[in-house]
Structures are given as C-alpha cells and as structure tokens.
C-alpha cells in the first residue's frame, strides 16, 4: 500500500463536509457548520456531515 501524502490528505478532507440531503460536497469552516450558519448551495439544507476517509 502506498504512503499517504499529507498535502493530498489536507486538500481532500480538511474542512470538507457533505450535505445529508443532496450529497453535495462543500469546503467550510467547521465552526460555521456547528453554529448552523451554513446552507447547502444546491438544496439550501443546513444538515452536514464530514467527508468519509477512504
């Protein structure tokens, strides 16, 4: 198995969240997600989850 490159891991997973309704991926500050200040650009939902690492 290949080693994981830190720069790639940061680019793919740092501050990345997925909308629970439409599965749209966004990069947002986690504190804004927790405060509920962010809406999905596609469906306008406020429910997000972190991106799952493969």
Protein backbone atom coordinates (compact mmCIF):
# COMPACT_ATOMS: atom_id res chain seq x y z
CA UNK A 1 0.00 0.00 0.00
CA UNK A 2 1.28 3.44 -0.88
CA UNK A 3 2.08 6.02 1.76
CA UNK A 4 -0.37 8.86 2.20
CA UNK A 5 0.82 12.30 1.21
CA UNK A 6 -0.13 14.91 3.85
CA UNK A 7 -0.73 17.67 1.29
CA UNK A 8 -3.21 15.47 -0.56
CA UNK A 9 -4.99 14.44 2.63
CA UNK A 10 -5.40 18.10 3.63
CA UNK A 11 -6.71 19.08 0.22
CA UNK A 12 -9.31 16.30 0.12
CA UNK A 13 -10.50 16.15 3.73
CA UNK A 14 -9.64 19.36 5.62
CA UNK A 15 -12.77 21.49 6.22
CA UNK A 16 -14.77 19.32 3.79
CA UNK A 17 -18.40 18.50 4.54
CA UNK A 18 -21.19 16.71 2.68
CA UNK A 19 -24.84 17.72 2.67
CA UNK A 20 -27.02 14.98 4.15
CA UNK A 21 -29.91 15.77 1.80
CA UNK A 22 -28.37 16.07 -1.68
CA UNK A 23 -24.80 14.73 -1.09
CA UNK A 24 -23.19 17.97 -2.31
CA UNK A 25 -19.61 18.47 -1.08
CA UNK A 26 -18.50 21.85 0.34
CA UNK A 27 -15.39 23.26 2.00
CA UNK A 28 -16.42 25.32 5.02
CA UNK A 29 -15.00 26.25 8.40
CA UNK A 30 -16.16 23.63 10.97
CA UNK A 31 -17.19 26.29 13.49
CA UNK A 32 -19.69 27.72 11.00
CA UNK A 33 -21.13 24.23 10.46
CA UNK A 34 -21.55 23.73 14.21
CA UNK A 35 -23.18 27.14 14.59
CA UNK A 36 -25.65 26.35 11.77
CA UNK A 37 -24.67 29.41 9.73
CA UNK A 38 -24.03 27.48 6.50
CA UNK A 39 -26.62 26.38 3.97
CA UNK A 40 -26.09 23.98 1.08
CA UNK A 41 -25.67 25.81 -2.23
CA UNK A 42 -27.73 23.19 -4.03
CA UNK A 43 -30.70 22.36 -1.78
CA UNK A 44 -30.42 25.03 1.00
CA UNK A 45 -30.29 22.44 3.79
CA UNK A 46 -28.29 23.04 6.99
CA UNK A 47 -27.52 19.37 7.77
CA UNK A 48 -23.91 18.39 7.04
CA UNK A 49 -21.54 15.55 7.88
CA UNK A 50 -17.74 15.26 7.49
CA UNK A 51 -16.35 13.57 4.38
CA UNK A 52 -15.55 9.90 4.99
CA UNK A 53 -11.91 9.00 4.52
CA UNK A 54 -11.26 6.05 2.23
